């Protein structure tokens, strides 16, 4: 495990209409804003789908999340590229596991902050 306190892990993803359609099937979130395109042909990406971005760090590092906090600041639309930056705040090896606490920000291709929050968990 190579995570270090202060480390910033950065990655990005562009959301597509197919992503929203698949998430709608899985989540059942069929809000009209996720189904009907706006005047620019875009739909709003479900907030919880946007919130999957910081969970990539957990998946890449076998984190079992205990807490996740999200503050949704602006809508994300299909076609938007979202950049996620996760900062490791705490990484502490204990007897049988490792504790982790991290914060994150997500912003779009126009540098507009769309999501922020934090999570904590353990790595067994």
C-alpha atoms as a PDB file:
ATOM      1  CA  UNK A   1       0.000   0.000   0.000  1.00  0.00           C
ATOM      2  CA  UNK A   2       1.547   3.262  -1.064  1.00  0.00           C
ATOM      3  CA  UNK A   3      -0.940   5.840   0.262  1.00  0.00           C
ATOM      4  CA  UNK A   4       0.543   8.678   2.301  1.00  0.00           C
ATOM      5  CA  UNK A   5      -0.951  11.493   4.358  1.00  0.00           C
ATOM      6  CA  UNK A   6      -1.115  14.597   2.173  1.00  0.00           C
ATOM      7  CA  UNK A   7      -1.143  12.615  -1.063  1.00  0.00           C
ATOM      8  CA  UNK A   8      -3.607  13.865  -3.692  1.00  0.00           C
ATOM      9  CA  UNK A   9      -5.040  11.308  -6.087  1.00  0.00           C
ATOM     10  CA  UNK A  10      -6.500  12.885  -9.228  1.00  0.00           C
ATOM     11  CA  UNK A  11      -8.558  11.358 -12.013  1.00  0.00           C
ATOM     12  CA  UNK A  12     -11.375  12.350 -14.327  1.00  0.00           C
ATOM     13  CA  UNK A  13     -14.415  10.961 -16.068  1.00  0.00           C
ATOM     14  CA  UNK A  14     -16.765  12.233 -18.754  1.00  0.00           C
ATOM     15  CA  UNK A  15     -20.377  11.228 -18.147  1.00  0.00           C
ATOM     16  CA  UNK A  16     -22.488  10.034 -21.076  1.00  0.00           C
ATOM     17  CA  UNK A  17     -26.190   9.582 -21.721  1.00  0.00           C
ATOM     18  CA  UNK A  18     -25.603   5.812 -21.635  1.00  0.00           C
ATOM     19  CA  UNK A  19     -24.125   6.174 -18.130  1.00  0.00           C
ATOM     20  CA  UNK A  20     -27.252   8.008 -16.959  1.00  0.00           C
ATOM     21  CA  UNK A  21     -29.555   5.440 -18.598  1.00  0.00           C
ATOM     22  CA  UNK A  22     -27.711   2.539 -16.914  1.00  0.00           C
ATOM     23  CA  UNK A  23     -27.683   4.272 -13.530  1.00  0.00           C
ATOM     24  CA  UNK A  24     -31.404   5.009 -13.897  1.00  0.00           C
ATOM     25  CA  UNK A  25     -32.065   1.287 -14.372  1.00  0.00           C
ATOM     26  CA  UNK A  26     -29.965   0.341 -11.354  1.00  0.00           C
ATOM     27  CA  UNK A  27     -31.097   3.117  -8.991  1.00  0.00           C
ATOM     28  CA  UNK A  28     -34.690   3.672 -10.128  1.00  0.00           C
ATOM     29  CA  UNK A  29     -33.998   7.438 -10.049  1.00  0.00           C
ATOM     30  CA  UNK A  30     -36.217   8.490 -12.949  1.00  0.00           C
ATOM     31  CA  UNK A  31     -36.468  12.199 -12.237  1.00  0.00           C
ATOM     32  CA  UNK A  32     -37.548  14.077 -15.374  1.00  0.00           C
ATOM     33  CA  UNK A  33     -34.253  16.030 -15.333  1.00  0.00           C
ATOM     34  CA  UNK A  34     -32.452  12.686 -15.828  1.00  0.00           C
ATOM     35  CA  UNK A  35     -34.731  11.634 -18.681  1.00  0.00           C
ATOM     36  CA  UNK A  36     -35.644  14.700 -20.726  1.00  0.00           C
ATOM     37  CA  UNK A  37     -32.793  16.577 -22.467  1.00  0.00           C
ATOM     38  CA  UNK A  38     -32.480  20.332 -21.994  1.00  0.00           C
ATOM     39  CA  UNK A  39     -32.197  22.816 -24.872  1.00  0.00           C
ATOM     40  CA  UNK A  40     -28.537  21.796 -25.323  1.00  0.00           C
ATOM     41  CA  UNK A  41     -29.405  18.076 -25.538  1.00  0.00           C
ATOM     42  CA  UNK A  42     -28.031  17.254 -22.081  1.00  0.00           C
ATOM     43  CA  UNK A  43     -29.587  15.553 -19.077  1.00  0.00           C
ATOM     44  CA  UNK A  44     -28.591  15.958 -15.438  1.00  0.00           C
ATOM     45  CA  UNK A  45     -26.364  13.176 -14.116  1.00  0.00           C
ATOM     46  CA  UNK A  46     -27.721  11.654 -10.894  1.00  0.00           C
ATOM     47  CA  UNK A  47     -25.954  13.082  -7.868  1.00  0.00           C
ATOM     48  CA  UNK A  48     -25.153   9.659  -6.495  1.00  0.00           C
ATOM     49  CA  UNK A  49     -23.574   8.667  -9.796  1.00  0.00           C
ATOM     50  CA  UNK A  50     -21.321  11.716  -9.558  1.00  0.00           C
ATOM     51  CA  UNK A  51     -20.592  10.628  -5.979  1.00  0.00           C
ATOM     52  CA  UNK A  52     -19.153   7.356  -7.270  1.00  0.00           C
ATOM     53  CA  UNK A  53     -16.034   9.217  -8.397  1.00  0.00           C
ATOM     54  CA  UNK A  54     -14.287   9.397  -4.998  1.00  0.00           C
ATOM     55  CA  UNK A  55     -15.192   5.769  -4.336  1.00  0.00           C
ATOM     56  CA  UNK A  56     -12.683   4.808  -7.048  1.00  0.00           C
ATOM     57  CA  UNK A  57      -9.873   5.478  -4.570  1.00  0.00           C
ATOM     58  CA  UNK A  58     -11.568   3.137  -2.115  1.00  0.00           C
ATOM     59  CA  UNK A  59     -11.962   0.451  -4.742  1.00  0.00           C
ATOM     60  CA  UNK A  60      -8.388   0.810  -5.932  1.00  0.00           C
ATOM     61  CA  UNK A  61      -7.131   0.418  -2.353  1.00  0.00           C
ATOM     62  CA  UNK A  62      -9.613  -2.106  -0.883  1.00  0.00           C
ATOM     63  CA  UNK A  63     -11.200   0.392   1.502  1.00  0.00           C
ATOM     64  CA  UNK A  64     -14.264  -0.693   3.436  1.00  0.00           C
ATOM     65  CA  UNK A  65     -16.070   2.615   3.867  1.00  0.00           C
ATOM     66  CA  UNK A  66     -17.585   3.438   7.231  1.00  0.00           C
ATOM     67  CA  UNK A  67     -18.722   6.996   6.543  1.00  0.00           C
ATOM     68  CA  UNK A  68     -19.200   9.052   3.399  1.00  0.00           C
ATOM     69  CA  UNK A  69     -20.332  12.668   3.339  1.00  0.00           C
ATOM     70  CA  UNK A  70     -21.304  14.508   0.173  1.00  0.00           C
ATOM     71  CA  UNK A  71     -22.158  18.144  -0.496  1.00  0.00           C
ATOM     72  CA  UNK A  72     -23.659  18.523  -3.967  1.00  0.00           C
ATOM     73  CA  UNK A  73     -22.939  22.080  -5.102  1.00  0.00           C
ATOM     74  CA  UNK A  74     -23.852  22.286  -8.801  1.00  0.00           C
ATOM     75  CA  UNK A  75     -25.515  19.960 -11.294  1.00  0.00           C
ATOM     76  CA  UNK A  76     -23.437  17.738 -13.555  1.00  0.00           C
ATOM     77  CA  UNK A  77     -24.641  17.207 -17.129  1.00  0.00           C
ATOM     78  CA  UNK A  78     -23.967  14.547 -19.711  1.00  0.00           C
ATOM     79  CA  UNK A  79     -20.882  15.548 -21.647  1.00  0.00           C
ATOM     80  CA  UNK A  80     -19.282  17.135 -18.589  1.00  0.00           C
ATOM     81  CA  UNK A  81     -15.815  15.972 -17.649  1.00  0.00           C
ATOM     82  CA  UNK A  82     -15.491  15.833 -13.883  1.00  0.00           C
ATOM     83  CA  UNK A  83     -12.081  15.979 -12.263  1.00  0.00           C
ATOM     84  CA  UNK A  84     -11.911  14.377  -8.832  1.00  0.00           C
ATOM     85  CA  UNK A  85      -9.140  15.096  -6.352  1.00  0.00           C
ATOM     86  CA  UNK A  86      -8.956  12.937  -3.240  1.00  0.00           C
ATOM     87  CA  UNK A  87      -6.623  14.039  -0.449  1.00  0.00           C
ATOM     88  CA  UNK A  88      -5.475  11.478   2.103  1.00  0.00           C
ATOM     89  CA  UNK A  89      -5.957  13.125   5.508  1.00  0.00           C
ATOM     90  CA  UNK A  90      -5.164  10.144   7.743  1.00  0.00           C
ATOM     91  CA  UNK A  91      -3.536   6.812   6.986  1.00  0.00           C
ATOM     92  CA  UNK A  92      -2.725   4.892  10.134  1.00  0.00           C
ATOM     93  CA  UNK A  93      -1.629   1.273  10.365  1.00  0.00           C
ATOM     94  CA  UNK A  94      -3.070  -0.551  13.341  1.00  0.00           C
ATOM     95  CA  UNK A  95      -2.754  -4.119  14.565  1.00  0.00           C
ATOM     96  CA  UNK A  96      -5.179  -5.830  12.174  1.00  0.00           C
ATOM     97  CA  UNK A  97      -6.053  -3.072   9.728  1.00  0.00           C
ATOM     98  CA  UNK A  98      -5.313   0.392   8.460  1.00  0.00           C
ATOM     99  CA  UNK A  99      -7.572   3.393   9.100  1.00  0.00           C
ATOM    100  CA  UNK A 100      -8.048   5.927   6.347  1.00  0.00           C
ATOM    101  CA  UNK A 101      -9.699   9.338   6.238  1.00  0.00           C
ATOM    102  CA  UNK A 102      -9.834  11.354   3.034  1.00  0.00           C
ATOM    103  CA  UNK A 103     -11.463  14.486   1.688  1.00  0.00           C
ATOM    104  CA  UNK A 104     -12.363  15.164  -1.921  1.00  0.00           C
ATOM    105  CA  UNK A 105     -13.398  17.836  -4.344  1.00  0.00           C
ATOM    106  CA  UNK A 106     -14.876  17.377  -7.801  1.00  0.00           C
ATOM    107  CA  UNK A 107     -15.023  20.099 -10.406  1.00  0.00           C
ATOM    108  CA  UNK A 108     -16.028  20.252 -14.038  1.00  0.00           C
ATOM    109  CA  UNK A 109     -14.091  21.141 -17.178  1.00  0.00           C
ATOM    110  CA  UNK A 110     -14.865  24.816 -16.489  1.00  0.00           C
ATOM    111  CA  UNK A 111     -13.227  24.641 -13.019  1.00  0.00           C
ATOM    112  CA  UNK A 112     -16.619  24.912 -11.300  1.00  0.00           C
ATOM    113  CA  UNK A 113     -16.804  22.989  -8.023  1.00  0.00           C
ATOM    114  CA  UNK A 114     -19.702  20.518  -8.254  1.00  0.00           C
ATOM    115  CA  UNK A 115     -19.145  18.182  -5.286  1.00  0.00           C
ATOM    116  CA  UNK A 116     -17.098  17.999  -2.113  1.00  0.00           C
ATOM    117  CA  UNK A 117     -16.989  15.794   0.916  1.00  0.00           C
ATOM    118  CA  UNK A 118     -15.048  13.196   2.831  1.00  0.00           C
ATOM    119  CA  UNK A 119     -14.968   9.533   3.732  1.00  0.00           C
ATOM    120  CA  UNK A 120     -13.438   7.251   6.308  1.00  0.00           C
ATOM    121  CA  UNK A 121     -12.955   3.546   6.516  1.00  0.00           C
ATOM    122  CA  UNK A 122     -10.568   0.699   7.038  1.00  0.00           C
ATOM    123  CA  UNK A 123      -8.315  -1.408   4.909  1.00  0.00           C
ATOM    124  CA  UNK A 124      -8.157  -4.987   6.179  1.00  0.00           C
END
